[in-house]
Amino acid sequence: MPLRLYNTLSRSQELFTPIRGEDGPVTFYTCGPTVYDYAHIGNFRSFLNADILRRTLELIGYRVEHVMNITDVGHMTEDDDVDGGGEDKMQVASKRILEDKKSGKIPDGSDIDPSDPREIADYYAQAFLDDGTTLGLQVAVEADRFPERLPRPTAYIEGMIELIERLIESQHAYVADDGVVYFDVASFPEYGALSGNTVDALRSGEGGRVLESNQVNKRSPADFMLWKPDPRHLMRWDSPWGEGYPGWHLECSVMAEALLGHNGEIDIHSGGEDNIFPHHECEIAQSRCATGSSAFARHWFHTRHLVVEGEKMSKSKGNFFTVRDILEKGVTPGALRLELVRTHYRQNANFTMQGLKDCARMVDRWCRLRDQLADGMISESGADAPLHAALSNFTECLCDDLNLARAIGVLNEASALARVNQGEGTSDPELAASELAALMKMNHVLGVLERNESISTGEDDDLSVRVEALIAARADAKARKDWSAADGIRDELIALGISIKDGPEGTTWSRNVE
């Protein structure tokens, strides 16, 4: 089934066609975490949407080579500045840990030597891999098998120096009077095509924030740093331009070319929307100028921001959460994963505690169905194999620019027909096995059934079973166009104090609060 995917570069949906043809691997590069602290749920929304895209490609038959970097040098605090001004985030972590130790506030990883940024990076990189594995991020799950697909910039400094030398030789980069190496944006007329920033606007400082202190030695405010000599920097290397460190934008260009590049080009590059400018814009410029390729990535895939209960995440507001913070509240990894991905990736997502509850109920429902099918049981209304029939529609929704909400709705409607309620079902092992196979193919993309660690018990669970049974019966009545029966079931739910909402993800419910 053909996949249509929105491309940030063309600002339109395009038919996805792999560079190496239908039989070749899809080369996919994702901007990963900077490991100076725990990744928060907004970071993971972007990572998991990339994971959903990868799993969709696998569902429709592609083999995917997926690389995600783990940034351990060069990412600066002022990353909206074209040079990445401020401090290296690894140095920020070093100061934070040192201050915590002095003040008696013992953070996680308190045995880390704060003077050793590599030790800090190792600790938080492992924390990221642990959290990613918990949430089913495939590139993290496969870390033991494919460690090279989680590269760190510090292992590619030699490649970065070589790329800078190529750019200087081809007159796309220059060494300024203070020894800093800059990319000459004027040498690449297509700079700004991804973000929509014009070079004129950047020159005047309108298109991206630039630090005044950098302007003396640069040819243009739009030019961005490739290498900075700095003998005081915690992490530094010898280079032809003095002992120093690389610019942040270099890392992805070098690692993508080394691990995935096909004549300087890859299929897909993903990240959060805040990566579009300056990071990805700069990557395109330096990669294309270094390789001579007409493109760096054919498809640019960007996830929009996550807010919490309608507000921007902020530690001062108390709504800043890591994966671990949420799981400590008793939320299952499956519910958290679903809540982070069910809103379309090109829309801002509102993360809510009610949404987590809705997702937990959905995952519980699918898990009960899985267990029933594994036992060979199928409902009488499931005799027409609704899950098998739904698989094609589920896939079609995903191939429409990853319309996961609609795909979830398709699964919910089919599962309502297939699920056995209150012991009313028949044993049909062959049909049940076929339906289970279809369910697990859909779960290959969702990745939630194997991450449902706990299902609620007690009074609330008894109510849940009854409500889910009534919702399934209502879905069956609507499928038969028996509107009178469907309305009667809705009234019964209201009498139980239950509110229901029909939407693209199927029917969700909540308990009325008096």
Protein backbone atom coordinates (compact mmCIF):
# COMPACT_ATOMS: atom_id res chain seq x y z
CA MET A 1 0.00 0.00 0.00
CA PRO A 2 1.55 3.36 -1.00
CA LEU A 3 2.48 5.75 1.81
CA ARG A 4 1.71 9.44 1.47
CA LEU A 5 3.73 11.54 3.89
CA TYR A 6 3.95 15.28 4.53
CA ASN A 7 7.36 16.69 3.62
CA THR A 8 8.40 19.81 5.53
CA LEU A 9 10.70 20.79 2.66
CA SER A 10 7.98 20.85 -0.02
CA ARG A 11 5.19 21.78 2.44
CA SER A 12 2.95 19.14 0.89
CA GLN A 13 2.08 15.47 1.10
CA GLU A 14 4.19 13.32 -1.21
CA LEU A 15 4.18 9.69 -2.27
CA PHE A 16 7.06 8.04 -0.43
CA THR A 17 9.53 6.39 -2.81
CA PRO A 18 12.76 4.91 -1.37
CA ILE A 19 16.04 6.00 -2.93
CA ARG A 20 17.20 2.41 -3.38
CA GLY A 21 13.91 1.13 -4.77
CA GLU A 22 11.25 -1.09 -3.26
CA ASP A 23 13.73 -3.84 -2.33
CA GLY A 24 16.39 -1.61 -0.81
CA PRO A 25 16.41 -0.52 2.83
CA VAL A 26 14.76 2.75 3.80
CA THR A 27 17.44 4.95 5.35
CA PHE A 28 16.01 6.89 8.29
CA TYR A 29 17.86 9.32 10.56
CA THR A 30 16.31 10.78 13.72
CA CYS A 31 17.68 13.61 15.84
CA GLY A 32 17.89 12.05 19.28
CA PRO A 33 18.46 13.34 22.82
CA THR A 34 21.22 15.47 24.25
CA VAL A 35 22.25 13.39 27.24
CA TYR A 36 22.81 16.04 29.88
CA ASP A 37 19.59 15.19 31.78
CA TYR A 38 16.60 12.87 31.55
CA ALA A 39 14.57 13.23 28.34
CA HIS A 40 11.09 14.66 29.04
CA ILE A 41 7.76 13.50 27.59
CA GLY A 42 7.85 16.24 24.94
CA ASN A 43 11.15 14.83 23.67
CA PHE A 44 9.65 11.35 23.66
CA ARG A 45 6.62 12.47 21.66
CA SER A 46 8.98 13.31 18.79
CA PHE A 47 11.02 10.10 19.20
CA LEU A 48 7.91 7.92 19.36
CA ASN A 49 6.30 9.52 16.30
CA ALA A 50 9.46 8.64 14.38
CA ASP A 51 9.07 5.12 15.80
CA ILE A 52 5.46 4.98 14.55
CA LEU A 53 6.67 5.99 11.07
CA ARG A 54 9.34 3.31 11.15
CA ARG A 55 6.86 0.65 12.27
CA THR A 56 4.40 1.74 9.56
CA LEU A 57 7.08 1.35 6.92
CA GLU A 58 7.76 -2.14 8.26
CA LEU A 59 4.03 -2.97 8.27
CA ILE A 60 3.76 -2.20 4.55
CA GLY A 61 6.78 -4.30 3.74
CA TYR A 62 9.91 -2.15 3.88
CA ARG A 63 13.16 -2.97 5.61
CA VAL A 64 14.29 0.07 7.62
CA GLU A 65 17.77 1.09 8.72
CA HIS A 66 17.03 3.57 11.49
CA VAL A 67 19.75 5.66 13.15
CA MET A 68 19.25 7.99 16.13
CA ASN A 69 22.12 10.07 17.46
CA ILE A 70 22.85 10.53 21.16
CA THR A 71 24.38 14.01 21.43
CA ASP A 72 27.24 14.20 23.90
CA VAL A 73 29.02 17.38 22.75
CA GLY A 74 28.41 20.64 20.94
CA HIS A 75 24.70 21.23 21.64
CA MET A 76 24.54 24.70 23.14
CA THR A 77 21.98 26.27 25.45
CA GLU A 78 21.13 29.03 22.95
CA ASP A 79 20.11 26.62 20.20
CA ASP A 80 17.80 29.12 18.49
CA ASP A 81 20.92 31.13 17.63
CA VAL A 82 22.49 30.08 14.32
CA ASP A 83 25.84 29.56 16.09
CA GLY A 84 24.35 27.75 19.04
CA GLY A 85 25.48 30.33 21.58
CA GLY A 86 25.69 30.07 25.33
CA GLU A 87 27.21 27.02 27.00
CA ASP A 88 27.60 23.43 25.89
CA LYS A 89 24.79 21.50 27.55
CA MET A 90 27.24 18.91 28.84
CA GLN A 91 29.04 21.68 30.72
CA VAL A 92 25.69 22.84 32.12
CA ALA A 93 25.11 19.32 33.44
CA SER A 94 28.56 19.29 35.00
CA LYS A 95 27.86 22.53 36.88
CA ARG A 96 24.40 21.34 37.95
CA ILE A 97 25.69 18.10 39.42
CA LEU A 98 28.59 19.84 41.15
CA GLU A 99 26.23 22.43 42.71
CA ASP A 100 23.82 19.71 43.82
CA LYS A 101 26.61 17.88 45.57
CA LYS A 102 27.85 21.03 47.30
CA SER A 103 24.35 21.94 48.50
CA GLY A 104 23.66 18.44 49.80
CA LYS A 105 20.95 17.79 47.22
CA ILE A 106 21.88 14.34 46.01
CA PRO A 107 20.55 13.76 42.50
CA ASP A 108 20.18 10.47 40.68
CA GLY A 109 23.59 9.39 39.50
CA SER A 110 25.25 11.19 42.40
CA ASP A 111 28.29 8.96 42.00
CA ILE A 112 29.04 10.70 38.68
CA ASP A 113 32.25 12.69 38.56
CA PRO A 114 30.94 16.16 37.56
CA SER A 115 34.31 17.08 36.04
CA ASP A 116 34.00 14.24 33.50
CA PRO A 117 31.36 15.04 30.83
CA ARG A 118 31.79 11.60 29.29
CA GLU A 119 30.74 10.00 32.55
CA ILE A 120 27.70 12.28 32.66
CA ALA A 121 26.86 11.39 29.07
CA ASP A 122 27.17 7.66 29.78
CA TYR A 123 24.79 7.90 32.73
CA TYR A 124 22.04 9.85 30.95
CA ALA A 125 22.48 7.92 27.70
CA GLN A 126 21.74 4.71 29.59
CA ALA A 127 18.75 6.38 31.26
CA PHE A 128 17.45 7.34 27.81
CA LEU A 129 17.91 3.79 26.51
CA ASP A 130 16.11 2.40 29.56
CA ASP A 131 13.18 4.81 29.13
CA GLY A 132 13.09 4.23 25.38
CA THR A 133 13.05 0.47 25.84
CA THR A 134 10.25 0.78 28.40
CA LEU A 135 8.15 2.73 25.87
CA GLY A 136 8.98 0.44 22.95
CA LEU A 137 11.25 2.77 20.99
CA GLN A 138 12.60 0.22 18.52
CA VAL A 139 16.01 1.78 18.06
CA ALA A 140 16.49 1.56 21.86
CA VAL A 141 15.02 -1.96 22.10
CA GLU A 142 17.53 -3.09 19.46
CA ALA A 143 20.52 -1.30 21.03
CA ASP A 144 22.31 -4.55 21.88
CA ARG A 145 21.92 -5.87 18.31
CA PHE A 146 22.64 -2.61 16.49
CA PRO A 147 24.72 -0.34 18.77
CA GLU A 148 26.07 1.49 15.72
CA ARG A 149 22.57 2.88 15.11
CA LEU A 150 22.85 4.97 18.28
CA PRO A 151 26.03 6.92 17.46
CA ARG A 152 27.61 9.61 19.61
CA PRO A 153 29.28 12.68 18.08
CA THR A 154 32.43 12.27 20.19
CA ALA A 155 33.20 9.12 18.16
CA TYR A 156 32.98 11.07 14.88
CA ILE A 157 35.21 14.10 15.51
CA GLU A 158 37.65 12.99 12.83
CA GLY A 159 34.83 12.87 10.30
CA MET A 160 33.67 16.34 11.33
CA ILE A 161 37.16 17.77 10.81
CA GLU A 162 37.33 16.10 7.40
CA LEU A 163 33.94 17.56 6.40
CA ILE A 164 35.05 21.06 7.46
CA GLU A 165 38.21 20.69 5.37
CA ARG A 166 36.10 19.78 2.34
CA LEU A 167 33.90 22.84 2.87
CA ILE A 168 36.89 25.18 3.22
CA GLU A 169 38.52 23.71 0.11
CA SER A 170 35.32 24.22 -1.92
CA GLN A 171 35.00 27.78 -0.54
CA HIS A 172 31.77 27.07 1.34
CA ALA A 173 33.49 27.76 4.68
CA TYR A 174 36.15 30.16 5.96
CA VAL A 175 38.38 30.73 8.96
CA ALA A 176 37.59 34.05 10.67
CA ASP A 177 40.16 36.37 12.24
CA ASP A 178 39.50 34.87 15.70
CA GLY A 179 40.17 31.35 14.40
CA VAL A 180 36.52 30.23 14.39
CA VAL A 181 35.47 28.32 11.26
CA TYR A 182 32.14 29.44 9.74
CA PHE A 183 29.95 28.14 6.95
CA ASP A 184 29.42 30.83 4.32
CA VAL A 185 25.65 30.91 3.82
CA ALA A 186 25.99 33.17 0.76
CA SER A 187 27.71 30.27 -1.02
CA PHE A 188 24.51 28.18 -0.85
CA PRO A 189 21.59 30.02 -2.51
CA GLU A 190 19.02 27.46 -1.34
CA TYR A 191 19.67 28.16 2.35
CA GLY A 192 16.31 28.83 4.01
CA ALA A 193 14.23 26.53 1.81
CA LEU A 194 13.32 24.21 4.70
CA SER A 195 12.40 26.83 7.29
CA GLY A 196 11.23 29.64 5.03
CA ASN A 197 13.82 32.01 6.46
CA THR A 198 15.33 34.28 3.81
CA VAL A 199 19.02 35.07 3.84
CA ASP A 200 18.20 38.79 3.81
CA ALA A 201 16.13 38.37 6.98
CA LEU A 202 18.90 36.36 8.60
CA ARG A 203 21.46 39.01 7.68
CA SER A 204 19.37 41.60 9.47
CA GLY A 205 18.92 39.30 12.45
CA GLU A 206 15.15 38.86 11.89
CA GLY A 207 15.02 35.21 10.84
CA GLY A 208 17.00 33.74 13.70
CA ARG A 209 18.53 35.17 16.84
CA VAL A 210 22.22 35.96 16.52
CA LEU A 211 24.65 37.02 19.21
CA GLU A 212 26.14 40.48 18.70
CA SER A 213 29.54 39.33 19.95
CA ASN A 214 29.80 36.95 17.00
CA GLN A 215 29.27 39.59 14.32
CA VAL A 216 32.71 41.19 14.29
CA ASN A 217 34.43 38.26 12.66
CA LYS A 218 31.61 36.82 10.54
CA ARG A 219 30.95 37.80 6.95
CA SER A 220 27.21 37.63 7.61
CA PRO A 221 24.98 37.18 10.69
CA ALA A 222 23.51 34.15 8.90
CA ASP A 223 26.84 32.28 8.79
CA PHE A 224 27.04 29.48 11.34
CA MET A 225 29.87 27.97 13.33
CA LEU A 226 31.59 24.75 12.29
CA TRP A 227 34.54 24.73 14.71
CA LYS A 228 35.53 26.91 17.65
CA PRO A 229 39.03 26.89 19.14
CA ASP A 230 38.64 27.07 22.92
CA PRO A 231 41.31 25.60 25.23
CA ARG A 232 39.01 26.17 28.26
CA HIS A 233 36.18 23.98 27.00
CA LEU A 234 35.67 20.78 28.99
CA MET A 235 35.47 18.67 25.82
CA ARG A 236 38.01 19.61 23.18
CA TRP A 237 40.08 18.06 20.40
CA ASP A 238 43.08 18.96 18.27
CA SER A 239 42.27 20.30 14.82
CA PRO A 240 43.93 22.31 12.03
CA TRP A 241 42.23 25.38 13.52
CA GLY A 242 43.34 24.87 17.09
CA GLU A 243 42.21 22.84 20.07
CA GLY A 244 38.45 23.20 20.41
CA TYR A 245 35.06 21.68 19.70
CA PRO A 246 32.64 21.22 16.77
CA GLY A 247 29.42 23.06 16.04
CA TRP A 248 26.23 21.18 16.90
CA HIS A 249 24.93 21.04 13.32
CA LEU A 250 27.94 19.07 12.10
CA GLU A 251 27.17 15.89 13.98
CA CYS A 252 24.10 14.74 12.06
CA SER A 253 25.59 15.49 8.65
CA VAL A 254 28.67 13.40 9.41
CA MET A 255 26.93 10.47 11.09
CA ALA A 256 24.10 10.26 8.55
CA GLU A 257 26.59 10.18 5.70
CA ALA A 258 28.81 7.62 7.45
CA LEU A 259 26.05 5.25 8.51
CA LEU A 260 23.27 5.69 5.95
CA GLY A 261 24.37 7.88 3.06
CA HIS A 262 23.76 6.79 -0.51
CA ASN A 263 25.68 9.22 -2.73
CA GLY A 264 25.23 11.80 0.02
CA GLU A 265 21.47 11.31 0.36
CA ILE A 266 19.14 9.55 2.82
CA ASP A 267 15.42 8.78 2.62
CA ILE A 268 14.01 10.36 5.79
CA HIS A 269 15.25 12.77 8.45
CA SER A 270 13.07 13.43 11.50
CA GLY A 271 13.06 15.61 14.59
CA GLY A 272 10.93 18.02 16.58
CA GLU A 273 9.69 21.18 14.89
CA ASP A 274 12.19 23.22 16.92
CA ASN A 275 14.95 21.42 14.97
CA ILE A 276 13.80 22.89 11.64
CA PHE A 277 15.77 26.10 12.17
CA PRO A 278 18.61 26.47 12.57
CA HIS A 279 19.69 22.84 13.06
CA HIS A 280 18.20 21.07 10.06
CA GLU A 281 18.57 24.08 7.78
CA CYS A 282 22.29 24.13 8.54
CA GLU A 283 22.60 20.36 8.09
CA ILE A 284 21.18 20.61 4.56
CA ALA A 285 23.57 23.39 3.60
CA GLN A 286 26.78 21.78 4.84
CA SER A 287 25.84 18.26 3.67
CA ARG A 288 24.88 19.25 0.15
CA CYS A 289 27.90 21.51 -0.26
CA ALA A 290 30.27 18.81 1.05
CA THR A 291 28.86 15.95 -1.04
CA GLY A 292 27.56 17.77 -4.12
CA SER A 293 24.26 15.93 -3.79
CA SER A 294 21.02 17.58 -4.94
CA ALA A 295 19.42 16.66 -1.57
CA PHE A 296 20.47 15.62 1.91
CA ALA A 297 17.20 13.93 2.89
CA ARG A 298 14.30 13.36 0.51
CA HIS A 299 11.69 13.56 3.25
CA TRP A 300 11.74 15.82 6.30
CA PHE A 301 9.42 14.64 9.08
CA HIS A 302 8.78 16.97 12.04
CA THR A 303 6.61 16.52 15.13
CA ARG A 304 4.93 19.53 16.69
CA HIS A 305 5.06 20.51 20.34
CA LEU A 306 3.50 18.88 23.39
CA VAL A 307 1.71 20.91 26.05
CA VAL A 308 0.48 19.61 29.41
CA GLU A 309 -3.11 20.29 30.44
CA GLY A 310 -3.16 23.13 27.90
CA GLU A 311 0.01 24.84 29.15
CA LYS A 312 3.62 24.85 28.05
CA MET A 313 5.75 22.49 30.11
CA SER A 314 7.65 24.32 32.82
CA LYS A 315 9.38 23.22 35.99
CA SER A 316 8.12 26.39 37.71
CA LYS A 317 4.52 25.40 36.91
CA GLY A 318 5.03 21.88 38.18
CA ASN A 319 3.94 20.34 34.87
CA PHE A 320 7.37 19.29 33.59
CA PHE A 321 7.48 15.49 33.41
CA THR A 322 10.00 12.84 32.50
CA VAL A 323 8.90 9.34 31.51
CA ARG A 324 9.83 8.18 35.00
CA ASP A 325 7.69 10.86 36.64
CA ILE A 326 4.61 9.60 34.79
CA LEU A 327 5.26 5.90 35.36
CA GLU A 328 5.71 6.55 39.09
CA LYS A 329 2.05 7.64 39.13
CA GLY A 330 1.03 4.07 38.33
CA VAL A 331 0.56 4.66 34.60
CA THR A 332 1.49 1.72 32.37
CA PRO A 333 4.09 2.22 29.62
CA GLY A 334 1.48 1.20 27.04
CA ALA A 335 -0.93 3.92 28.13
CA LEU A 336 1.83 6.55 28.17
CA ARG A 337 3.05 5.54 24.71
CA LEU A 338 -0.48 5.72 23.28
CA GLU A 339 -1.19 9.12 24.87
CA LEU A 340 2.03 10.53 23.39
CA VAL A 341 1.33 9.40 19.81
CA ARG A 342 -2.42 9.35 19.30
CA THR A 343 -2.67 13.05 18.35
CA HIS A 344 -1.52 13.62 14.77
CA TYR A 345 2.18 14.43 14.65
CA ARG A 346 1.55 17.70 12.75
CA GLN A 347 -0.76 19.01 15.48
CA ASN A 348 0.23 20.29 18.90
CA ALA A 349 -0.68 17.60 21.42
CA ASN A 350 -2.33 18.29 24.77
CA PHE A 351 -1.10 15.75 27.30
CA THR A 352 -3.67 15.22 30.07
CA MET A 353 -4.22 12.86 32.97
CA GLN A 354 -7.72 12.15 31.64
CA GLY A 355 -6.16 11.27 28.30
CA LEU A 356 -3.88 8.81 30.06
CA LYS A 357 -6.92 7.18 31.68
CA ASP A 358 -8.68 6.92 28.32
CA CYS A 359 -5.60 5.35 26.78
CA ALA A 360 -5.26 2.91 29.68
CA ARG A 361 -8.84 1.75 29.12
CA MET A 362 -8.24 1.29 25.40
CA VAL A 363 -5.09 -0.74 25.98
CA ASP A 364 -6.85 -2.81 28.67
CA ARG A 365 -9.66 -3.53 26.21
CA TRP A 366 -7.25 -4.66 23.49
CA CYS A 367 -5.31 -6.80 25.96
CA ARG A 368 -8.48 -8.60 27.08
CA LEU A 369 -9.31 -9.24 23.44
CA ARG A 370 -5.82 -10.57 22.78
CA ASP A 371 -6.10 -12.96 25.72
CA GLN A 372 -9.54 -14.18 24.61
CA LEU A 373 -8.30 -14.83 21.08
CA ALA A 374 -5.22 -16.61 22.44
CA ASP A 375 -7.67 -18.90 24.30
CA GLY A 376 -9.48 -19.61 21.04
CA MET A 377 -12.59 -17.60 21.97
CA ILE A 378 -14.47 -15.30 19.61
CA SER A 379 -17.75 -13.45 19.95
CA GLU A 380 -20.72 -14.47 17.84
CA SER A 381 -20.61 -11.08 16.09
CA GLY A 382 -16.95 -11.74 15.34
CA ALA A 383 -17.72 -14.65 13.04
CA ASP A 384 -17.10 -12.39 10.04
CA ALA A 385 -13.49 -11.78 11.15
CA PRO A 386 -13.77 -8.04 11.86
CA LEU A 387 -10.09 -7.66 12.82
CA HIS A 388 -8.89 -9.27 9.62
CA ALA A 389 -11.22 -6.98 7.67
CA ALA A 390 -10.04 -3.95 9.67
CA LEU A 391 -6.33 -4.52 9.00
CA SER A 392 -6.55 -3.11 5.49
CA ASN A 393 -8.44 -0.01 6.67
CA PHE A 394 -6.03 0.39 9.60
CA THR A 395 -3.08 0.34 7.20
CA GLU A 396 -4.81 2.71 4.80
CA CYS A 397 -5.26 5.25 7.62
CA LEU A 398 -1.55 5.05 8.47
CA CYS A 399 -0.61 5.48 4.83
CA ASP A 400 -2.59 8.73 4.84
CA ASP A 401 0.19 10.76 6.49
CA LEU A 402 0.13 8.60 9.65
CA ASN A 403 -3.50 9.24 10.59
CA LEU A 404 -3.13 7.23 13.77
CA ALA A 405 -6.28 8.59 15.42
CA ARG A 406 -8.41 7.23 12.60
CA ALA A 407 -6.49 3.94 12.63
CA ILE A 408 -7.20 3.57 16.36
CA GLY A 409 -10.88 4.19 15.65
CA VAL A 410 -10.86 1.39 13.09
CA LEU A 411 -9.30 -0.97 15.63
CA ASN A 412 -11.75 0.02 18.36
CA GLU A 413 -14.76 -0.65 16.12
CA ALA A 414 -13.41 -4.03 15.06
CA SER A 415 -12.38 -5.07 18.56
CA ALA A 416 -15.87 -4.27 19.86
CA LEU A 417 -17.25 -6.86 17.43
CA ALA A 418 -14.58 -9.50 18.09
CA ARG A 419 -14.44 -9.30 21.90
CA VAL A 420 -16.33 -11.77 24.06
CA ASN A 421 -18.45 -10.08 26.73
CA GLN A 422 -19.86 -11.63 29.92
CA GLY A 423 -19.06 -15.17 28.80
CA GLU A 424 -21.10 -14.91 25.60
CA GLY A 425 -18.85 -16.37 22.94
CA THR A 426 -17.87 -19.50 21.09
CA SER A 427 -14.69 -21.52 20.80
CA ASP A 428 -13.27 -21.30 17.29
CA PRO A 429 -9.49 -21.73 17.54
CA GLU A 430 -8.83 -21.35 13.80
CA LEU A 431 -10.80 -18.12 13.43
CA ALA A 432 -9.45 -16.80 16.73
CA ALA A 433 -5.85 -17.47 15.60
CA SER A 434 -6.47 -15.58 12.36
CA GLU A 435 -8.00 -12.65 14.23
CA LEU A 436 -5.15 -12.65 16.75
CA ALA A 437 -2.62 -12.45 13.91
CA ALA A 438 -4.44 -9.39 12.51
CA LEU A 439 -4.55 -7.76 15.93
CA MET A 440 -0.82 -8.31 16.45
CA LYS A 441 -0.02 -6.79 13.06
CA MET A 442 -1.86 -3.65 14.11
CA ASN A 443 -0.08 -3.74 17.45
CA HIS A 444 3.24 -3.90 15.61
CA VAL A 445 2.63 -0.22 14.86
CA LEU A 446 0.94 0.73 18.14
CA GLY A 447 3.44 -1.17 20.29
CA VAL A 448 1.26 -1.13 23.41
CA LEU A 449 -0.09 -4.62 24.20
CA GLU A 450 3.23 -5.89 25.51
CA ARG A 451 3.57 -2.76 27.67
CA ASN A 452 0.39 -3.02 29.71
CA GLU A 453 1.93 -4.00 33.01
CA SER A 454 -1.10 -3.63 35.24
CA ILE A 455 -4.88 -3.71 34.82
CA SER A 456 -7.01 -2.14 37.52
CA THR A 457 -8.87 -4.43 39.92
CA GLY A 458 -11.74 -4.16 42.38
CA GLU A 459 -14.92 -2.10 42.07
CA ASP A 460 -13.61 0.13 39.32
CA ASP A 461 -12.60 -2.94 37.32
CA ASP A 462 -16.10 -4.46 37.68
CA LEU A 463 -17.61 -1.22 36.40
CA SER A 464 -15.08 -1.10 33.55
CA VAL A 465 -16.01 -4.60 32.41
CA ARG A 466 -19.72 -3.71 32.41
CA VAL A 467 -19.18 -0.37 30.62
CA GLU A 468 -16.92 -1.92 27.99
CA ALA A 469 -19.52 -4.63 27.37
CA LEU A 470 -22.25 -2.03 26.86
CA ILE A 471 -20.04 0.04 24.54
CA ALA A 472 -19.28 -3.07 22.49
CA ALA A 473 -23.00 -3.92 22.31
CA ARG A 474 -23.75 -0.35 21.22
CA ALA A 475 -21.10 -0.57 18.48
CA ASP A 476 -22.67 -3.82 17.30
CA ALA A 477 -26.14 -2.22 17.26
CA LYS A 478 -24.83 0.75 15.26
CA ALA A 479 -23.13 -1.61 12.80
CA ARG A 480 -26.54 -3.29 12.29
CA LYS A 481 -28.14 0.17 11.99
CA ASP A 482 -30.37 -0.68 14.96
CA TRP A 483 -30.47 2.92 16.17
CA SER A 484 -33.16 2.26 18.75
CA ALA A 485 -31.04 -0.37 20.49
CA ALA A 486 -27.95 1.88 20.31
CA ASP A 487 -29.86 4.75 21.92
CA GLY A 488 -31.18 2.44 24.63
CA ILE A 489 -27.64 1.35 25.51
CA ARG A 490 -26.50 4.97 25.62
CA ASP A 491 -29.32 5.72 28.09
CA GLU A 492 -28.24 2.75 30.20
CA LEU A 493 -24.70 4.11 30.33
CA ILE A 494 -26.00 7.53 31.38
CA ALA A 495 -27.97 5.88 34.17
CA LEU A 496 -24.71 4.32 35.37
CA GLY A 497 -23.16 7.78 35.59
CA ILE A 498 -21.02 7.27 32.49
CA SER A 499 -20.36 9.87 29.80
CA ILE A 500 -19.40 8.59 26.36
CA LYS A 501 -17.81 10.38 23.45
CA ASP A 502 -17.71 9.12 19.86
CA GLY A 503 -14.62 10.28 18.00
CA PRO A 504 -12.03 9.26 15.42
CA GLU A 505 -10.48 6.87 17.95
CA GLY A 506 -13.82 5.15 18.57
CA THR A 507 -15.91 5.53 21.72
CA THR A 508 -14.23 6.70 24.91
CA TRP A 509 -15.87 7.03 28.30
CA SER A 510 -15.45 8.69 31.66
CA ARG A 511 -17.21 8.59 34.99
CA ASN A 512 -19.35 11.62 35.83
CA VAL A 513 -18.22 13.52 38.90
CA GLU A 514 -21.05 14.86 41.06
